[in-house]
N, C-alpha and C. Protein backbone atom coordinates (compact mmCIF):
# COMPACT_ATOMS: atom_id res chain seq x y z
N ILE A 1 23.25 6.45 5.50
CA ILE A 1 22.29 5.43 5.94
C ILE A 1 20.94 6.10 6.19
N SER A 2 19.93 5.60 5.52
CA SER A 2 18.60 6.19 5.72
C SER A 2 17.95 5.58 6.95
N SER A 3 17.12 6.36 7.59
CA SER A 3 16.47 5.89 8.80
C SER A 3 15.08 5.33 8.51
N PHE A 4 14.73 5.26 7.24
CA PHE A 4 13.43 4.70 6.88
C PHE A 4 13.55 3.87 5.62
N GLN A 5 12.60 2.99 5.42
CA GLN A 5 12.58 2.09 4.28
C GLN A 5 11.52 2.54 3.30
N VAL A 6 11.85 2.55 2.02
CA VAL A 6 10.88 2.82 0.96
C VAL A 6 10.55 1.48 0.31
N TYR A 7 9.26 1.20 0.21
CA TYR A 7 8.80 -0.06 -0.39
C TYR A 7 8.40 0.20 -1.83
N ILE A 8 8.91 -0.63 -2.72
CA ILE A 8 8.58 -0.53 -4.14
C ILE A 8 7.56 -1.62 -4.43
N ILE A 9 6.35 -1.21 -4.74
CA ILE A 9 5.24 -2.14 -4.89
C ILE A 9 4.78 -2.17 -6.34
N GLN A 10 4.63 -3.37 -6.86
CA GLN A 10 4.12 -3.57 -8.22
C GLN A 10 2.60 -3.50 -8.17
N VAL A 11 2.01 -2.65 -9.01
CA VAL A 11 0.56 -2.51 -9.09
C VAL A 11 0.12 -3.00 -10.46
N SER A 12 -0.93 -3.79 -10.49
CA SER A 12 -1.48 -4.18 -11.79
C SER A 12 -2.99 -4.09 -11.75
N VAL A 13 -3.52 -3.38 -12.74
CA VAL A 13 -4.97 -3.22 -12.89
C VAL A 13 -5.27 -3.50 -14.36
N GLY A 14 -6.02 -4.55 -14.60
CA GLY A 14 -6.29 -4.93 -15.99
C GLY A 14 -4.98 -5.24 -16.69
N ASN A 15 -4.75 -4.60 -17.83
CA ASN A 15 -3.52 -4.82 -18.59
C ASN A 15 -2.42 -3.85 -18.21
N HIS A 16 -2.69 -2.95 -17.28
CA HIS A 16 -1.72 -1.95 -16.87
C HIS A 16 -0.89 -2.44 -15.68
N GLN A 17 0.42 -2.20 -15.73
CA GLN A 17 1.30 -2.52 -14.60
C GLN A 17 2.26 -1.37 -14.39
N TRP A 18 2.51 -1.04 -13.14
CA TRP A 18 3.46 0.00 -12.80
C TRP A 18 3.91 -0.19 -11.36
N THR A 19 4.88 0.58 -10.93
CA THR A 19 5.33 0.49 -9.55
C THR A 19 5.07 1.81 -8.83
N VAL A 20 4.84 1.70 -7.54
CA VAL A 20 4.74 2.88 -6.68
C VAL A 20 5.75 2.70 -5.56
N LYS A 21 6.25 3.82 -5.06
CA LYS A 21 7.23 3.79 -3.99
C LYS A 21 6.68 4.59 -2.81
N HIS A 22 6.57 3.92 -1.68
CA HIS A 22 6.03 4.58 -0.48
C HIS A 22 6.73 4.07 0.77
N ARG A 23 6.80 4.93 1.75
CA ARG A 23 7.26 4.54 3.08
C ARG A 23 6.10 3.86 3.81
N TYR A 24 6.43 3.12 4.85
CA TYR A 24 5.36 2.48 5.63
C TYR A 24 4.40 3.53 6.18
N SER A 25 4.94 4.68 6.58
CA SER A 25 4.07 5.74 7.14
C SER A 25 3.04 6.21 6.11
N ASP A 26 3.38 6.16 4.82
CA ASP A 26 2.41 6.52 3.78
C ASP A 26 1.27 5.50 3.75
N PHE A 27 1.63 4.22 3.86
CA PHE A 27 0.60 3.18 3.92
C PHE A 27 -0.28 3.37 5.15
N HIS A 28 0.35 3.71 6.26
CA HIS A 28 -0.40 3.92 7.50
C HIS A 28 -1.38 5.08 7.35
N ASP A 29 -0.92 6.18 6.75
CA ASP A 29 -1.81 7.34 6.53
C ASP A 29 -2.98 6.96 5.62
N LEU A 30 -2.68 6.25 4.54
CA LEU A 30 -3.73 5.79 3.63
C LEU A 30 -4.74 4.93 4.39
N HIS A 31 -4.22 4.00 5.18
CA HIS A 31 -5.07 3.08 5.91
C HIS A 31 -5.99 3.81 6.89
N GLU A 32 -5.43 4.77 7.61
CA GLU A 32 -6.25 5.54 8.57
C GLU A 32 -7.41 6.23 7.85
N LYS A 33 -7.15 6.80 6.69
CA LYS A 33 -8.20 7.49 5.92
C LYS A 33 -9.26 6.50 5.46
N LEU A 34 -8.81 5.33 4.97
CA LEU A 34 -9.77 4.34 4.48
C LEU A 34 -10.59 3.74 5.61
N VAL A 35 -9.99 3.57 6.77
CA VAL A 35 -10.73 3.05 7.92
C VAL A 35 -11.83 4.03 8.30
N SER A 36 -11.49 5.33 8.35
CA SER A 36 -12.49 6.31 8.77
C SER A 36 -13.51 6.62 7.68
N GLU A 37 -13.08 6.68 6.42
CA GLU A 37 -14.00 7.06 5.34
C GLU A 37 -14.78 5.89 4.76
N LYS A 38 -14.13 4.72 4.65
CA LYS A 38 -14.74 3.59 3.95
C LYS A 38 -15.01 2.41 4.86
N LYS A 39 -14.70 2.55 6.13
CA LYS A 39 -14.99 1.52 7.13
C LYS A 39 -14.32 0.18 6.80
N ILE A 40 -13.10 0.21 6.25
CA ILE A 40 -12.42 -1.06 6.02
C ILE A 40 -11.88 -1.58 7.35
N ASP A 41 -11.55 -2.86 7.37
CA ASP A 41 -11.05 -3.52 8.57
C ASP A 41 -9.75 -2.87 9.02
N LYS A 42 -9.73 -2.39 10.25
CA LYS A 42 -8.53 -1.70 10.73
C LYS A 42 -7.34 -2.64 10.91
N ASN A 43 -7.58 -3.95 10.93
CA ASN A 43 -6.50 -4.93 11.07
C ASN A 43 -5.93 -5.39 9.73
N LEU A 44 -6.40 -4.80 8.64
CA LEU A 44 -5.97 -5.22 7.31
C LEU A 44 -4.51 -4.86 7.03
N LEU A 45 -4.07 -3.73 7.53
CA LEU A 45 -2.69 -3.28 7.29
C LEU A 45 -1.73 -4.08 8.17
N PRO A 46 -0.62 -4.59 7.59
CA PRO A 46 0.37 -5.29 8.42
C PRO A 46 0.85 -4.37 9.54
N PRO A 47 1.08 -4.91 10.72
CA PRO A 47 1.46 -4.06 11.86
C PRO A 47 2.84 -3.43 11.69
N LYS A 48 3.01 -2.32 12.36
CA LYS A 48 4.31 -1.65 12.36
C LYS A 48 5.24 -2.43 13.27
N LYS A 49 6.44 -2.66 12.78
CA LYS A 49 7.42 -3.39 13.57
C LYS A 49 8.55 -2.44 13.93
N ILE A 50 9.05 -2.55 15.13
CA ILE A 50 10.13 -1.66 15.57
C ILE A 50 11.48 -2.37 15.53
N ILE A 51 11.56 -3.55 16.14
CA ILE A 51 12.83 -4.25 16.26
C ILE A 51 13.23 -4.85 14.92
N GLY A 52 14.43 -4.55 14.48
CA GLY A 52 14.95 -5.11 13.24
C GLY A 52 14.21 -4.65 12.01
N LYS A 53 13.62 -3.45 12.06
CA LYS A 53 12.75 -3.02 10.98
C LYS A 53 13.47 -2.87 9.64
N ASN A 54 14.78 -2.74 9.65
CA ASN A 54 15.51 -2.60 8.39
C ASN A 54 16.25 -3.86 7.99
N SER A 55 16.02 -4.99 8.70
CA SER A 55 16.68 -6.23 8.29
C SER A 55 16.11 -6.66 6.94
N ARG A 56 16.96 -7.23 6.12
CA ARG A 56 16.57 -7.58 4.75
C ARG A 56 15.35 -8.51 4.72
N SER A 57 15.35 -9.51 5.59
CA SER A 57 14.24 -10.47 5.56
C SER A 57 12.92 -9.81 5.97
N LEU A 58 12.99 -8.91 6.96
CA LEU A 58 11.77 -8.22 7.38
C LEU A 58 11.27 -7.27 6.29
N VAL A 59 12.19 -6.59 5.65
CA VAL A 59 11.81 -5.67 4.57
C VAL A 59 11.12 -6.45 3.44
N GLU A 60 11.69 -7.60 3.07
CA GLU A 60 11.09 -8.41 2.01
C GLU A 60 9.73 -8.95 2.42
N LYS A 61 9.62 -9.40 3.67
CA LYS A 61 8.34 -9.91 4.18
C LYS A 61 7.29 -8.81 4.19
N ARG A 62 7.67 -7.64 4.68
CA ARG A 62 6.71 -6.53 4.75
C ARG A 62 6.31 -6.09 3.35
N GLN A 63 7.26 -6.08 2.42
CA GLN A 63 6.93 -5.68 1.06
C GLN A 63 5.85 -6.58 0.49
N LYS A 64 5.97 -7.89 0.71
CA LYS A 64 4.95 -8.83 0.25
C LYS A 64 3.62 -8.58 0.95
N GLU A 65 3.67 -8.33 2.25
CA GLU A 65 2.43 -8.05 3.00
C GLU A 65 1.76 -6.78 2.49
N LEU A 66 2.54 -5.76 2.16
CA LEU A 66 1.97 -4.51 1.66
C LEU A 66 1.39 -4.71 0.26
N GLU A 67 2.01 -5.56 -0.55
CA GLU A 67 1.44 -5.87 -1.87
C GLU A 67 0.10 -6.56 -1.70
N VAL A 68 0.03 -7.52 -0.77
CA VAL A 68 -1.24 -8.21 -0.50
C VAL A 68 -2.28 -7.22 0.00
N TYR A 69 -1.87 -6.30 0.86
CA TYR A 69 -2.77 -5.26 1.38
C TYR A 69 -3.38 -4.47 0.22
N LEU A 70 -2.54 -4.00 -0.71
CA LEU A 70 -3.05 -3.22 -1.83
C LEU A 70 -3.94 -4.06 -2.75
N GLN A 71 -3.55 -5.32 -2.99
CA GLN A 71 -4.38 -6.21 -3.81
C GLN A 71 -5.77 -6.37 -3.17
N THR A 72 -5.77 -6.53 -1.86
CA THR A 72 -7.04 -6.68 -1.13
C THR A 72 -7.90 -5.44 -1.28
N LEU A 73 -7.28 -4.26 -1.20
CA LEU A 73 -8.04 -3.02 -1.38
C LEU A 73 -8.62 -2.93 -2.79
N LEU A 74 -7.83 -3.33 -3.79
CA LEU A 74 -8.33 -3.26 -5.17
C LEU A 74 -9.48 -4.23 -5.40
N VAL A 75 -9.45 -5.37 -4.72
CA VAL A 75 -10.56 -6.32 -4.82
C VAL A 75 -11.79 -5.75 -4.11
N LYS A 76 -11.57 -5.06 -3.00
CA LYS A 76 -12.66 -4.49 -2.20
C LYS A 76 -13.37 -3.36 -2.95
N PHE A 77 -12.63 -2.64 -3.79
CA PHE A 77 -13.20 -1.53 -4.55
C PHE A 77 -13.00 -1.80 -6.05
N PRO A 78 -13.73 -2.80 -6.60
CA PRO A 78 -13.46 -3.24 -7.97
C PRO A 78 -13.84 -2.24 -9.06
N VAL A 79 -14.82 -1.43 -8.82
CA VAL A 79 -15.29 -0.51 -9.87
C VAL A 79 -14.63 0.86 -9.74
N THR A 80 -14.77 1.47 -8.59
CA THR A 80 -14.20 2.80 -8.38
C THR A 80 -13.44 2.82 -7.07
N ALA A 81 -12.14 3.01 -7.17
CA ALA A 81 -11.32 3.10 -5.96
C ALA A 81 -11.56 4.45 -5.30
N PRO A 82 -11.55 4.51 -3.97
CA PRO A 82 -11.66 5.80 -3.29
C PRO A 82 -10.55 6.73 -3.77
N LYS A 83 -10.85 8.02 -3.78
CA LYS A 83 -9.90 9.02 -4.29
C LYS A 83 -8.53 8.91 -3.62
N VAL A 84 -8.52 8.71 -2.31
CA VAL A 84 -7.27 8.63 -1.57
C VAL A 84 -6.44 7.42 -2.02
N LEU A 85 -7.10 6.31 -2.34
CA LEU A 85 -6.41 5.12 -2.84
C LEU A 85 -5.92 5.33 -4.27
N SER A 86 -6.75 5.92 -5.11
CA SER A 86 -6.35 6.21 -6.49
C SER A 86 -5.12 7.10 -6.53
N HIS A 87 -5.10 8.09 -5.68
CA HIS A 87 -3.94 9.00 -5.62
C HIS A 87 -2.70 8.25 -5.14
N PHE A 88 -2.86 7.43 -4.11
CA PHE A 88 -1.76 6.65 -3.55
C PHE A 88 -1.14 5.74 -4.61
N LEU A 89 -1.98 5.15 -5.45
CA LEU A 89 -1.52 4.23 -6.48
C LEU A 89 -1.15 4.92 -7.79
N HIS A 90 -1.26 6.25 -7.81
CA HIS A 90 -0.89 7.05 -8.99
C HIS A 90 -1.73 6.69 -10.21
N PHE A 91 -2.99 6.34 -9.99
CA PHE A 91 -3.87 6.01 -11.13
C PHE A 91 -3.88 7.12 -12.17
N HIS A 92 -3.84 8.37 -11.72
CA HIS A 92 -3.92 9.51 -12.62
C HIS A 92 -2.76 9.53 -13.63
N LEU A 93 -1.68 8.83 -13.34
CA LEU A 93 -0.54 8.80 -14.25
C LEU A 93 -0.62 7.66 -15.26
N TYR A 94 -1.38 6.62 -14.93
CA TYR A 94 -1.30 5.39 -15.73
C TYR A 94 -2.59 4.93 -16.36
N VAL A 95 -3.72 5.21 -15.73
CA VAL A 95 -4.98 4.67 -16.24
C VAL A 95 -5.78 5.82 -16.84
N SER A 96 -6.14 5.69 -18.10
CA SER A 96 -6.89 6.76 -18.75
C SER A 96 -8.38 6.50 -18.68
């Protein structure tokens, strides 16, 4: 039994689609960097939940919230994504 959840997020940019896999803590680290470097809204990231964090319904709900979070970031940086976001989304593997 794992003590953490890995979220599989579908990313699409233009005609490219791929998935990335990250723990919530990875999203949190990304968010902290973007808040300090790019001044994005600190309330944009869905909050960390403690109780029932591995229940199926919560995992599915959070996965959708994290997808919306990433979509919002991509809309916010339409031309050039910050390096930390590009790395998080594995752009270097998929977009030439």
